[in-house]
Amino acid sequence: MTEDNNFDSIDLSATPTALTPTALGVRTFNDSNIQGLEILAPAEALAQEEVTLDDLDDGMNLLPNNEDEEDPEADMDANEDERAIFTEAHLGEQFGRCPSHERPLHVEGDQSAQPFLRRQAAAIRRALRKALPSYTWAKNYQRNMVRGDVVGGLTVSIILIPQSIAYALLADLPPEYGLYCAFIPLLVYALLGSSRHLCVGPFALVSLLVADQVKTALPGLDEQRYIEAILLLSFMVGVVQIAMGLARLGIVVSFLADSVVSGFTTASAILIMTSQLKHALGLALPSDSFIHTVYHLALDLRDSNLAALSIFVTSVVSMHAIKLINSKFFPKVVVPEQLLVVVMAGILSFVLQLDQAPYNVDIVGKLPSGLPKLAAPVMNLDTVRALCPAAVVTAIISYMVSISIVHTFATKLSYRIDPNQEFIALGAANLVGSFFQAYPSCGSLSRSAVCANVGARTQAHNVAQAAMAALAMLLLTPLFHPLPYATLAAIVMMALQSMLNFPFAWQLYRTSRGDFVLWMLTFLSTLLLGVQVGIGLGIVVSMSWLLEQTSRPWWARLGRLPSTQLYRNVRRYREAHELAGIIIFRFDAALHFANKDYFTEILEANMKSFRMQCEGAIPLCAIVVDASGMSNIDASATMMLRTLVQELKKRSPPVHIVMADCKGPLRVSMRKSGLSSVIGEDHLVVGLHDAVRMAEDRVEAFMRTRHGQY
């Protein structure tokens, strides 16, 4: 909780203006809740006058009514206080509330009257549309869509092929495995994916994550066993993702805060860039940890290969220059700067024989030609056990990255996606891909953006990309032989620039210090302790933050604004006056086992504060609970509230609980548990102002009793 003491900044000089009756209907805001409360003044007479929201924020500096003029709206407001108080029971009787919590829907036509075969055919079509999104887009595919999909696929493949070779190096795999990852997974996703523009395949973050987890879980593997472990991990990731999709667990990634995801991806980008320094400088640097790599870099920097460094710097500068010229002079044409740099570097390396002395630059070397062979991943029970945590983490991270891209383009281009179907599609791509020597794949933001910009219309662009990858594996692999690793490192560095999200961290620092702490914890733990520890700690911290917010939600003690029927946080509005003998309390969360003790704690603290500040005045007679923020109540909270109500009724004078604006699920739970009978059906009131009127009646009854007026 934070305390709001910025009352000096309130402008009390504003002149109020009249509002429409709609403004008077505005009842609650999501005000922050502040500890340390005080009663500012006794209740004032309810001379009704309309006010604007600007008047509220300007300190409620109201002018008196002009007594010489008749105000029909004031008469209407006066009649408002004379009408009967609207309880939930009265509302149901007058407007015909349904006995169940949902109103039955009227369905046009009688389904049972349809012929059996027609119903079965319709059910099959619905199942096909749900399980195979390609059934829908293939059925509605038109000739004018072909050009956009083909151009989109060919354009993206120009970026995909060099990136695939570069990202395979991040996973410590031979370069051809990057091309394998850009083949079968794309075909499977085109069949099952619901996003029209997501481009799956090798991705830098997942490549690093896979290598780090396999080396951690199974240290000391030789190259062949390491490749087998990677392919087995791809199979397991697919199984986990399909299982989570069938269980409709796409919501799981919502529990990872954006600050955690941003901190993790930023630190991962730095780790990937650091891992590429060995290729950029021609050094044999370790890649087991960031600190270890930086330490050895400082020791061995003087031994850098100047030829490799020159190629790296030239490649980075060339890509930046091509990109700048493209955006300035040819904005409507996609110029593949990565492919152009690959071609130039390959030609230069071939002509100058850069792999020979005196240059001694590391090059890709010979790549095997041909499509990947069909082979089942090598299964070993001990290896499966060791890779289970890695499979779960990789499945969630790759889905999290992909679904964020999917949501971005679905929102921008106005079409619907199915998050659970995306889980299944990615899982099937990884599972089937593992039989064709593909390591875990993921969506790519940069390639998806290019695909959308050049006009791809359906998932068929993935087919065009896969065809180009197959063509490269069959015919173009000899051309990659002289390609320097330094150029591939430059491609990785350029691709990772968008993952460095430091501006977002600065924004969090200015707007939400709690989220900034989450960002820093995840960033530093990932950078210094490794990818697995970083994402694990990020998940734990994110869940802890969520539990903290759930178990200690916002609350407010409300007061009435002068000459209105509006109630606001007494710590935000100086002229929000609490009423004699009444506490108006708002709790902005569902009541459940995790926050029931906190509810009792803060309510008792407010009652104690009320008694201390009202010594000798009217004692507490009623507590009005603004339940507009309570969506439901569970069994534990029901027992707590039942006990609290019974204890308050035994006090002298009795303290009555009046609940206002109870939502449907809350009313149903209270009725089924008998809590509404304990509180009193007539104490469940529609509207906060009516609830306050009922509380004022209780105070008035107590005062009559005290003075012997019956």
Foldseek 3Di string as FASTA:
>chain_A
DAFDPPPVPAALPDEWDADDVVQQVDFDDPDFAHPDDDFQDADDDQQAGGTHVVCQRNQVNYDDDDPVDDDVVSVVVVVVLVDDFFFPVNVCVVPPDDPDLDDDDDDPDDPVPDDPVVVVVVVVVVVCCQQWVLVVCVVVPDPVQVVLLLVLLVLLLLLQLLLLQLLCVLLVHASVLSLLQLAQLLVLCQGQFFFFQWRKGRDNLLSNLLNLLLCVLPPDDDRVVSLLLLLVLLQLLLVVLQVCLVVVVLCVLVLQDPLLVLLLLQLSLVLSLLVLVCQQFVHDADSNALVRRVVVCVVCVVVTQVLSNVLLVVLLVQLVVVVVCCVPPPVLDDDSSLSVSQLVQLVVCVVVVCCDPPRVFDASAADAAAFFDFAARDDDPSSCVSCNVSSVVSSSSQLSVAVVLRVVVCVVVVDDGRSSSSSNSQSVSSNRSSRRSHGRMHTANVSSVSSVSSRNDGSCSSVSSNVVSNVCRHPVRVSRRSGGSSSSSSSSSVSSPVSNPVVVLVVCVVPPVVSNVLSVQLNVCCNGVHSVRSSVVSSVVSNVVVLVCQQQPGKAWWACAHNGLYIDGCSSRVRRGHHAQEIEMEDQEAAEPSHLVVVVVVVVVVLVSQCVNQPPHQHHAEYEYECQRHQAHDPVSLVSVLVVQVVQVPDVPRYAYAYEDHDSRHVVVCVVVVVCVSNDSRSRGYDRSSNVSVSVVRSVVVVCVVVVND
